[in-house]
């Protein structure tokens, strides 16, 4: 799981449009909550359950897509000239 700082309303839509993350299992986000980028349909429901209660600034992502996710987030413009960047990263074994 990655938590990003300086996110705004364009963060999730921009991440969902990123080509490197487009092949993930749908749905790729929880309404009002975290984004989920997983390519294995068998693990998707487990990851979705683990992501419940997280905020829109959180992204649950499998290891193979982690760097693509960080690169995509760093291209999102935040408010007042700030850039979206990684605040913390946690490995969650599911």
Protein backbone atom coordinates (compact mmCIF):
# COMPACT_ATOMS: atom_id res chain seq x y z
CA UNK A 1 0.00 0.00 0.00
CA UNK A 2 1.25 3.46 -0.87
CA UNK A 3 -0.01 6.65 0.71
CA UNK A 4 0.50 9.81 -1.32
CA UNK A 5 0.57 13.40 -0.13
CA UNK A 6 -0.71 16.56 -1.86
CA UNK A 7 -3.50 14.72 -3.68
CA UNK A 8 -6.55 16.58 -4.98
CA UNK A 9 -9.70 15.80 -6.95
CA UNK A 10 -7.75 14.98 -10.11
CA UNK A 11 -5.55 12.34 -8.44
CA UNK A 12 -7.82 9.30 -8.79
CA UNK A 13 -9.18 10.06 -12.30
CA UNK A 14 -5.65 10.65 -13.58
CA UNK A 15 -4.38 7.42 -12.02
CA UNK A 16 -7.31 5.44 -13.48
CA UNK A 17 -6.50 6.79 -16.97
CA UNK A 18 -2.84 5.73 -16.82
CA UNK A 19 -2.03 3.19 -19.55
CA UNK A 20 0.43 1.22 -17.39
CA UNK A 21 -2.34 0.51 -14.85
CA UNK A 22 -5.19 -0.02 -17.32
CA UNK A 23 -5.02 -3.84 -17.44
CA UNK A 24 -5.88 -4.26 -13.77
CA UNK A 25 -9.01 -6.05 -12.61
CA UNK A 26 -12.13 -3.87 -12.34
CA UNK A 27 -13.32 -2.18 -10.20
CA UNK A 28 -10.09 -0.34 -9.59
CA UNK A 29 -11.34 1.95 -6.86
CA UNK A 30 -13.62 1.99 -3.85
CA UNK A 31 -16.18 4.81 -3.94
CA UNK A 32 -14.83 7.54 -1.67
CA UNK A 33 -11.80 5.43 -0.81
CA UNK A 34 -8.61 3.86 -2.06
CA UNK A 35 -7.49 2.85 -5.53
CA UNK A 36 -6.77 -0.84 -6.15
CA UNK A 37 -4.40 -2.02 -8.89
CA UNK A 38 -4.26 -5.83 -9.07
CA UNK A 39 -3.91 -8.01 -12.18
CA UNK A 40 -4.81 -11.36 -10.54
CA UNK A 41 -8.61 -11.84 -10.46
CA UNK A 42 -8.25 -14.45 -7.70
CA UNK A 43 -6.69 -11.90 -5.33
CA UNK A 44 -8.81 -8.91 -6.30
CA UNK A 45 -11.66 -9.40 -3.79
CA UNK A 46 -9.22 -9.95 -0.91
CA UNK A 47 -7.36 -6.74 -1.77
CA UNK A 48 -10.63 -4.82 -2.14
CA UNK A 49 -11.68 -5.94 1.35
CA UNK A 50 -8.30 -4.90 2.78
CA UNK A 51 -8.64 -1.47 1.14
CA UNK A 52 -11.99 -0.67 2.76
CA UNK A 53 -11.68 2.18 5.23
CA UNK A 54 -8.67 3.71 3.48
CA UNK A 55 -8.75 7.21 2.03
CA UNK A 56 -8.57 8.42 -1.59
CA UNK A 57 -4.87 9.21 -1.09
CA UNK A 58 -4.13 5.48 -0.56
CA UNK A 59 -3.33 3.00 -3.34
CA UNK A 60 -3.30 -0.77 -2.89
CA UNK A 61 -1.00 -2.05 -5.62
CA UNK A 62 0.74 -5.34 -6.33
CA UNK A 63 4.52 -5.32 -6.26
CA UNK A 64 4.97 -5.69 -10.04
CA UNK A 65 3.05 -2.43 -10.64
CA UNK A 66 4.47 -0.41 -7.76
CA UNK A 67 6.99 1.67 -9.71
CA UNK A 68 4.51 2.34 -12.54
CA UNK A 69 2.04 3.53 -9.91
CA UNK A 70 4.56 5.89 -8.30
CA UNK A 71 5.60 7.29 -11.69
CA UNK A 72 1.95 7.88 -12.64
CA UNK A 73 1.25 9.65 -9.34
CA UNK A 74 4.27 11.91 -9.65
CA UNK A 75 2.82 13.28 -12.90
CA UNK A 76 -0.37 14.46 -11.18
CA UNK A 77 -0.40 18.19 -10.46
CA UNK A 78 -1.46 19.13 -6.96
CA UNK A 79 -2.69 22.44 -5.60
CA UNK A 80 -0.49 25.52 -5.25
CA UNK A 81 2.24 24.19 -7.53
CA UNK A 82 3.02 21.18 -5.38
CA UNK A 83 3.63 17.75 -6.83
CA UNK A 84 1.94 14.60 -5.64
CA UNK A 85 4.57 12.38 -4.01
CA UNK A 86 4.88 9.28 -1.90
CA UNK A 87 4.33 9.78 1.82
CA UNK A 88 4.66 6.18 3.00
CA UNK A 89 4.79 2.62 1.73
CA UNK A 90 3.68 -0.49 3.63
CA UNK A 91 3.88 -4.13 2.60
CA UNK A 92 0.65 -5.94 3.39
CA UNK A 93 0.75 -9.71 3.02
CA UNK A 94 -2.62 -11.00 1.77
